[in-house]
């Protein structure tokens, strides 16, 4: 069974963050530079939200605001769902589907150790299924006899 620990081992555990008082344009430039779809919003208390491309599209572009004048705090998603390293990919998928989120920060011992996206989870589940299929093909063809 694939866990978040396995996913982070494959993709890396780098977490990019931004302060809530930063302007949206700074967040967008940071995401573009790193080719990522979301930033964890942190302040001295820890994680206070997630800022994603979805937040920008729905809360800036469609509402006539500007990314130069709006702070991340004003449009970030403050409800953050977390997982830990032992959470399975299937549990992540269920949580993401149920809560309609695309990114899950990973916490271990109250410390932010990574972030996973829906794409990371889907990739890991597909990989696991492909391995199972290959094992079944080998079994059926008598490779293990």
Protein backbone atom coordinates (compact mmCIF):
# COMPACT_ATOMS: atom_id res chain seq x y z
CA UNK A 1 0.00 0.00 0.00
CA UNK A 2 1.42 3.37 -1.04
CA UNK A 3 1.66 6.04 1.67
CA UNK A 4 2.37 9.75 1.68
CA UNK A 5 5.90 8.85 2.79
CA UNK A 6 6.36 6.92 -0.49
CA UNK A 7 4.93 9.79 -2.52
CA UNK A 8 7.28 12.32 -0.89
CA UNK A 9 10.23 10.00 -1.41
CA UNK A 10 9.42 9.96 -5.14
CA UNK A 11 8.60 13.66 -5.65
CA UNK A 12 10.63 15.29 -2.90
CA UNK A 13 9.59 17.13 0.21
CA UNK A 14 10.25 20.73 -0.82
CA UNK A 15 7.48 23.04 0.39
CA UNK A 16 7.16 26.54 -1.00
CA UNK A 17 5.36 29.06 1.15
CA UNK A 18 4.35 32.69 1.20
CA UNK A 19 3.31 35.16 3.88
CA UNK A 20 -0.35 36.21 4.05
CA UNK A 21 0.52 39.89 3.65
CA UNK A 22 2.33 39.29 0.34
CA UNK A 23 0.63 40.56 -2.79
CA UNK A 24 -1.02 38.05 -5.09
CA UNK A 25 1.34 38.99 -7.92
CA UNK A 26 4.28 37.81 -5.77
CA UNK A 27 2.56 34.48 -5.20
CA UNK A 28 1.85 34.05 -8.90
CA UNK A 29 5.44 34.83 -9.84
CA UNK A 30 6.72 32.37 -7.23
CA UNK A 31 4.43 29.62 -8.52
CA UNK A 32 5.34 30.30 -12.15
CA UNK A 33 9.07 30.29 -11.38
CA UNK A 34 8.78 26.93 -9.60
CA UNK A 35 6.15 25.48 -11.95
CA UNK A 36 3.79 24.63 -9.09
CA UNK A 37 0.06 25.12 -8.59
CA UNK A 38 -0.11 26.16 -4.93
CA UNK A 39 1.77 27.74 -2.05
CA UNK A 40 1.34 27.08 1.64
CA UNK A 41 0.52 30.33 3.43
CA UNK A 42 2.42 30.64 6.71
CA UNK A 43 2.94 33.16 9.46
CA UNK A 44 4.59 32.97 12.89
CA UNK A 45 1.79 30.63 14.08
CA UNK A 46 2.39 28.15 11.27
CA UNK A 47 0.16 27.19 8.34
CA UNK A 48 -2.77 29.60 7.96
CA UNK A 49 -3.97 28.74 4.47
CA UNK A 50 -3.30 27.57 0.94
CA UNK A 51 -3.03 29.84 -2.09
CA UNK A 52 -3.67 28.12 -5.42
CA UNK A 53 -4.26 28.87 -9.06
CA UNK A 54 -7.91 28.13 -8.36
CA UNK A 55 -8.02 30.91 -5.73
CA UNK A 56 -6.58 33.34 -8.25
CA UNK A 57 -8.96 32.34 -11.03
CA UNK A 58 -12.08 32.47 -8.88
CA UNK A 59 -11.32 35.32 -6.50
CA UNK A 60 -9.24 37.76 -8.57
CA UNK A 61 -9.78 37.27 -12.29
CA UNK A 62 -13.54 36.67 -12.09
CA UNK A 63 -14.21 39.36 -9.47
CA UNK A 64 -12.41 42.23 -11.16
CA UNK A 65 -9.70 42.56 -8.51
CA UNK A 66 -6.05 43.04 -9.35
CA UNK A 67 -3.13 40.88 -8.32
CA UNK A 68 -1.04 44.00 -7.71
CA UNK A 69 -3.33 45.41 -5.01
CA UNK A 70 -4.73 42.30 -3.33
CA UNK A 71 -2.96 40.43 -0.55
CA UNK A 72 -2.74 36.65 -0.42
CA UNK A 73 -4.66 36.75 2.91
CA UNK A 74 -7.69 38.21 1.13
CA UNK A 75 -8.12 35.31 -1.30
CA UNK A 76 -6.30 32.29 0.17
CA UNK A 77 -8.25 29.23 1.25
CA UNK A 78 -8.07 29.27 5.05
CA UNK A 79 -9.49 25.77 5.57
CA UNK A 80 -6.47 23.51 5.33
CA UNK A 81 -6.69 19.73 5.51
CA UNK A 82 -3.52 17.93 6.57
CA UNK A 83 -2.21 14.38 6.28
CA UNK A 84 0.77 12.63 7.82
CA UNK A 85 3.45 10.41 6.31
CA UNK A 86 1.55 7.23 7.17
CA UNK A 87 -1.66 8.27 5.40
CA UNK A 88 -2.35 6.01 2.41
CA UNK A 89 -2.77 7.31 -1.12
CA UNK A 90 -6.35 5.99 -1.10
CA UNK A 91 -7.11 7.91 2.11
CA UNK A 92 -5.66 11.06 0.53
CA UNK A 93 -7.78 10.57 -2.57
CA UNK A 94 -10.91 10.13 -0.45
CA UNK A 95 -10.14 13.26 1.60
CA UNK A 96 -9.37 15.34 -1.48
CA UNK A 97 -12.57 14.20 -3.18
CA UNK A 98 -14.75 14.67 -0.10
CA UNK A 99 -13.37 18.14 0.74
CA UNK A 100 -12.87 19.21 -2.88
CA UNK A 101 -9.23 20.19 -2.40
CA UNK A 102 -6.24 19.60 -4.66
CA UNK A 103 -3.35 20.02 -2.21
CA UNK A 104 -2.62 18.50 1.19
CA UNK A 105 0.21 19.71 3.40
CA UNK A 106 1.99 16.88 5.21
CA UNK A 107 2.60 17.26 8.94
CA UNK A 108 4.82 15.05 11.11
CA UNK A 109 5.33 15.83 14.80
CA UNK A 110 3.71 19.25 14.30
CA UNK A 111 6.22 20.11 11.56
CA UNK A 112 5.44 20.75 7.89
CA UNK A 113 7.43 18.11 5.97
CA UNK A 114 5.91 18.28 2.50
CA UNK A 115 2.88 18.87 0.34
CA UNK A 116 1.14 16.55 -2.09
CA UNK A 117 -1.21 17.32 -4.94
CA UNK A 118 -4.04 15.37 -6.50
CA UNK A 119 -1.69 14.68 -9.41
CA UNK A 120 0.89 13.12 -7.08
CA UNK A 121 -1.78 10.88 -5.54
CA UNK A 122 -3.24 9.78 -8.88
CA UNK A 123 0.24 9.05 -10.25
CA UNK A 124 1.08 6.87 -7.24
CA UNK A 125 -2.20 4.93 -7.40
CA UNK A 126 -1.80 4.30 -11.14
CA UNK A 127 1.80 3.15 -10.61
CA UNK A 128 0.70 0.75 -7.87
CA UNK A 129 -2.03 -0.70 -10.11
CA UNK A 130 0.41 -1.16 -13.00
CA UNK A 131 2.76 -3.14 -10.74
CA UNK A 132 -0.13 -5.32 -9.58
CA UNK A 133 -1.15 -5.98 -13.19
CA UNK A 134 2.40 -7.01 -14.11
CA UNK A 135 2.56 -9.40 -11.15
CA UNK A 136 -0.77 -10.94 -12.14
CA UNK A 137 0.37 -11.33 -15.76
CA UNK A 138 3.54 -13.06 -14.55
CA UNK A 139 1.53 -15.34 -12.27
CA UNK A 140 -0.96 -16.27 -15.00
CA UNK A 141 1.81 -16.97 -17.52
CA UNK A 142 3.52 -19.30 -15.06
CA UNK A 143 6.60 -17.18 -14.53
CA UNK A 144 6.58 -17.97 -10.80
CA UNK A 145 6.30 -21.79 -11.21
